[in-house]
Amino acid sequence: MNIKEKVVAANAPKELGAYSNAIKCGNLIFVSGQLPVNPETGEVPPTIQEQTRQVVDNVRKILADAGATLDNVVKTTVMLQEMSLFGEMNAVYSQEFNEPYPARTSLSVKELPNDALVALDVLAVI
């Protein structure tokens, strides 16, 4: 018996490697690290604010395909190209998620694919 199910994310960017955009396991949804790639154009917006909106929108679409919303998110991991971008990212993030905000880990990473400034993964419960 397979306890995990791939979430088919029809409106999100396609996977770039050997991973699933999201896996549903019981009442848990694990969304892989998403980039701020516009799924229609394949482009990454130029600013951290636009990238944060795009990456949250990509996560929103994946969660919708799994039967969830951002309100189901209990934990996030934010990966930033530089911690100096935290304030601008957080200003957008706080508009996208509702209180009580999910638990969050924010990290600075050396680099992200597509020269992205931000990436986001989430854990949701339905």
C-alpha atoms as a PDB file:
ATOM      1  CA  MET A   1       0.000   0.000   0.000  1.00  0.00           C
ATOM      2  CA  ASN A   2       1.397   3.370  -1.037  1.00  0.00           C
ATOM      3  CA  ILE A   3       0.743   6.020   1.602  1.00  0.00           C
ATOM      4  CA  LYS A   4       1.982   8.928  -0.476  1.00  0.00           C
ATOM      5  CA  GLU A   5       0.273  10.506  -3.451  1.00  0.00           C
ATOM      6  CA  LYS A   6       1.774  12.976  -5.915  1.00  0.00           C
ATOM      7  CA  VAL A   7      -0.118  16.248  -6.174  1.00  0.00           C
ATOM      8  CA  VAL A   8      -0.551  17.092  -9.847  1.00  0.00           C
ATOM      9  CA  ALA A   9       0.024  20.821  -9.943  1.00  0.00           C
ATOM     10  CA  ALA A  10      -1.566  21.776 -13.257  1.00  0.00           C
ATOM     11  CA  ASN A  11      -1.121  25.561 -12.943  1.00  0.00           C
ATOM     12  CA  ALA A  12       2.291  25.708 -11.251  1.00  0.00           C
ATOM     13  CA  PRO A  13       5.766  25.620 -12.786  1.00  0.00           C
ATOM     14  CA  LYS A  14       6.856  22.135 -13.827  1.00  0.00           C
ATOM     15  CA  GLU A  15       9.412  20.256 -11.758  1.00  0.00           C
ATOM     16  CA  LEU A  16      13.038  20.824 -12.801  1.00  0.00           C
ATOM     17  CA  GLY A  17      14.395  17.506 -11.566  1.00  0.00           C
ATOM     18  CA  ALA A  18      13.713  14.235  -9.785  1.00  0.00           C
ATOM     19  CA  TYR A  19      11.148  15.504  -7.289  1.00  0.00           C
ATOM     20  CA  SER A  20       7.424  16.194  -7.005  1.00  0.00           C
ATOM     21  CA  ASN A  21       6.031  19.697  -6.554  1.00  0.00           C
ATOM     22  CA  ALA A  22       4.037  18.268  -3.661  1.00  0.00           C
ATOM     23  CA  ILE A  23       3.240  14.998  -1.948  1.00  0.00           C
ATOM     24  CA  LYS A  24       0.052  14.302  -0.026  1.00  0.00           C
ATOM     25  CA  CYS A  25       0.379  11.806   2.813  1.00  0.00           C
ATOM     26  CA  GLY A  26      -2.796  11.325   4.826  1.00  0.00           C
ATOM     27  CA  ASN A  27      -3.862  14.786   5.946  1.00  0.00           C
ATOM     28  CA  LEU A  28      -0.407  16.317   5.320  1.00  0.00           C
ATOM     29  CA  ILE A  29       0.746  18.138   2.195  1.00  0.00           C
ATOM     30  CA  PHE A  30       4.480  18.618   1.691  1.00  0.00           C
ATOM     31  CA  VAL A  31       5.218  21.274  -0.944  1.00  0.00           C
ATOM     32  CA  SER A  32       8.762  21.204  -2.319  1.00  0.00           C
ATOM     33  CA  GLY A  33      10.848  24.358  -2.505  1.00  0.00           C
ATOM     34  CA  GLN A  34       9.199  26.531  -5.125  1.00  0.00           C
ATOM     35  CA  LEU A  35      10.805  29.253  -7.185  1.00  0.00           C
ATOM     36  CA  PRO A  36       9.221  32.542  -8.284  1.00  0.00           C
ATOM     37  CA  VAL A  37       8.838  31.372 -11.876  1.00  0.00           C
ATOM     38  CA  ASN A  38       5.783  32.561 -13.738  1.00  0.00           C
ATOM     39  CA  PRO A  39       4.278  29.280 -15.017  1.00  0.00           C
ATOM     40  CA  GLU A  40       2.893  30.972 -18.158  1.00  0.00           C
ATOM     41  CA  THR A  41       6.059  32.777 -19.275  1.00  0.00           C
ATOM     42  CA  GLY A  42       8.847  30.878 -17.499  1.00  0.00           C
ATOM     43  CA  GLU A  43      10.250  34.213 -16.336  1.00  0.00           C
ATOM     44  CA  VAL A  44      11.350  35.297 -12.862  1.00  0.00           C
ATOM     45  CA  PRO A  45      10.240  38.823 -11.861  1.00  0.00           C
ATOM     46  CA  PRO A  46      13.062  41.289 -11.095  1.00  0.00           C
ATOM     47  CA  THR A  47      12.304  42.446  -7.521  1.00  0.00           C
ATOM     48  CA  ILE A  48      12.108  40.604  -4.209  1.00  0.00           C
ATOM     49  CA  GLN A  49       8.556  41.879  -3.687  1.00  0.00           C
ATOM     50  CA  GLU A  50       7.368  40.536  -7.063  1.00  0.00           C
ATOM     51  CA  GLN A  51       9.262  37.298  -6.567  1.00  0.00           C
ATOM     52  CA  THR A  52       7.720  36.777  -3.132  1.00  0.00           C
ATOM     53  CA  ARG A  53       4.218  37.320  -4.561  1.00  0.00           C
ATOM     54  CA  GLN A  54       4.960  34.915  -7.424  1.00  0.00           C
ATOM     55  CA  VAL A  55       6.400  32.166  -5.243  1.00  0.00           C
ATOM     56  CA  VAL A  56       3.455  32.387  -2.833  1.00  0.00           C
ATOM     57  CA  ASP A  57       1.061  32.286  -5.788  1.00  0.00           C
ATOM     58  CA  ASN A  58       2.801  29.153  -7.096  1.00  0.00           C
ATOM     59  CA  VAL A  59       2.440  27.521  -3.665  1.00  0.00           C
ATOM     60  CA  ARG A  60      -1.213  28.637  -3.525  1.00  0.00           C
ATOM     61  CA  LYS A  61      -1.913  26.900  -6.860  1.00  0.00           C
ATOM     62  CA  ILE A  62      -0.215  23.683  -5.745  1.00  0.00           C
ATOM     63  CA  LEU A  63      -2.163  23.664  -2.483  1.00  0.00           C
ATOM     64  CA  ALA A  64      -5.423  24.255  -4.390  1.00  0.00           C
ATOM     65  CA  ASP A  65      -4.723  21.176  -6.500  1.00  0.00           C
ATOM     66  CA  ALA A  66      -4.301  19.245  -3.229  1.00  0.00           C
ATOM     67  CA  GLY A  67      -7.562  20.592  -1.771  1.00  0.00           C
ATOM     68  CA  ALA A  68      -5.979  23.153   0.558  1.00  0.00           C
ATOM     69  CA  THR A  69      -5.341  26.893   0.894  1.00  0.00           C
ATOM     70  CA  LEU A  70      -2.643  29.038   2.460  1.00  0.00           C
ATOM     71  CA  ASP A  71      -4.725  28.933   5.662  1.00  0.00           C
ATOM     72  CA  ASN A  72      -3.851  25.206   5.920  1.00  0.00           C
ATOM     73  CA  VAL A  73      -0.113  25.964   6.025  1.00  0.00           C
ATOM     74  CA  VAL A  74       1.447  25.281   9.437  1.00  0.00           C
ATOM     75  CA  LYS A  75       5.173  25.579   8.571  1.00  0.00           C
ATOM     76  CA  THR A  76       7.203  27.390   5.940  1.00  0.00           C
ATOM     77  CA  THR A  77      10.852  27.562   5.015  1.00  0.00           C
ATOM     78  CA  VAL A  78      11.960  30.735   3.245  1.00  0.00           C
ATOM     79  CA  MET A  79      15.264  30.624   1.404  1.00  0.00           C
ATOM     80  CA  LEU A  80      16.743  34.010   0.531  1.00  0.00           C
ATOM     81  CA  GLN A  81      19.714  34.802  -1.658  1.00  0.00           C
ATOM     82  CA  GLU A  82      20.691  37.410   0.979  1.00  0.00           C
ATOM     83  CA  MET A  83      19.330  38.099   4.473  1.00  0.00           C
ATOM     84  CA  SER A  84      19.279  41.813   3.582  1.00  0.00           C
ATOM     85  CA  LEU A  85      16.159  40.942   1.525  1.00  0.00           C
ATOM     86  CA  PHE A  86      14.295  39.692   4.607  1.00  0.00           C
ATOM     87  CA  GLY A  87      12.404  42.912   5.394  1.00  0.00           C
ATOM     88  CA  GLU A  88      11.053  43.380   1.874  1.00  0.00           C
ATOM     89  CA  MET A  89      10.148  39.685   1.609  1.00  0.00           C
ATOM     90  CA  ASN A  90       8.474  39.744   5.019  1.00  0.00           C
ATOM     91  CA  ALA A  91       6.342  42.777   4.096  1.00  0.00           C
ATOM     92  CA  VAL A  92       4.796  40.812   1.199  1.00  0.00           C
ATOM     93  CA  TYR A  93       4.724  37.481   3.087  1.00  0.00           C
ATOM     94  CA  SER A  94       2.719  39.063   5.925  1.00  0.00           C
ATOM     95  CA  GLN A  95       0.103  40.222   3.392  1.00  0.00           C
ATOM     96  CA  GLU A  96      -0.192  36.779   1.787  1.00  0.00           C
ATOM     97  CA  PHE A  97      -0.532  34.660   4.940  1.00  0.00           C
ATOM     98  CA  ASN A  98      -3.177  35.201   7.632  1.00  0.00           C
ATOM     99  CA  GLU A  99      -2.706  35.202  11.377  1.00  0.00           C
ATOM    100  CA  PRO A 100      -1.872  33.073  13.144  1.00  0.00           C
ATOM    101  CA  TYR A 101       1.077  32.988  10.771  1.00  0.00           C
ATOM    102  CA  PRO A 102       2.660  29.597  10.075  1.00  0.00           C
ATOM    103  CA  ALA A 103       5.794  28.659  11.958  1.00  0.00           C
ATOM    104  CA  ARG A 104       8.691  29.758   9.764  1.00  0.00           C
ATOM    105  CA  THR A 105      12.374  29.195   9.220  1.00  0.00           C
ATOM    106  CA  SER A 106      14.239  31.776   7.127  1.00  0.00           C
ATOM    107  CA  LEU A 107      17.643  30.966   5.692  1.00  0.00           C
ATOM    108  CA  SER A 108      20.227  32.679   3.560  1.00  0.00           C
ATOM    109  CA  VAL A 109      21.531  30.384   0.831  1.00  0.00           C
ATOM    110  CA  LYS A 110      24.478  30.801  -1.500  1.00  0.00           C
ATOM    111  CA  GLU A 111      22.370  30.759  -4.655  1.00  0.00           C
ATOM    112  CA  LEU A 112      19.031  29.604  -6.029  1.00  0.00           C
ATOM    113  CA  PRO A 113      18.153  28.243  -9.488  1.00  0.00           C
ATOM    114  CA  ASN A 114      17.188  30.796 -12.158  1.00  0.00           C
ATOM    115  CA  ASP A 115      19.018  33.514 -10.163  1.00  0.00           C
ATOM    116  CA  ALA A 116      15.932  33.700  -7.940  1.00  0.00           C
ATOM    117  CA  LEU A 117      16.102  35.859  -4.819  1.00  0.00           C
ATOM    118  CA  VAL A 118      13.639  33.706  -2.853  1.00  0.00           C
ATOM    119  CA  ALA A 119      12.294  30.165  -2.671  1.00  0.00           C
ATOM    120  CA  LEU A 120       9.583  28.751  -0.423  1.00  0.00           C
ATOM    121  CA  ASP A 121       8.528  25.330   0.807  1.00  0.00           C
ATOM    122  CA  VAL A 122       5.549  24.611   3.024  1.00  0.00           C
ATOM    123  CA  LEU A 123       3.865  21.958   5.115  1.00  0.00           C
ATOM    124  CA  ALA A 124       0.066  22.069   5.206  1.00  0.00           C
ATOM    125  CA  VAL A 125      -2.521  20.091   7.172  1.00  0.00           C
ATOM    126  CA  ILE A 126      -6.032  19.388   5.884  1.00  0.00           C
END
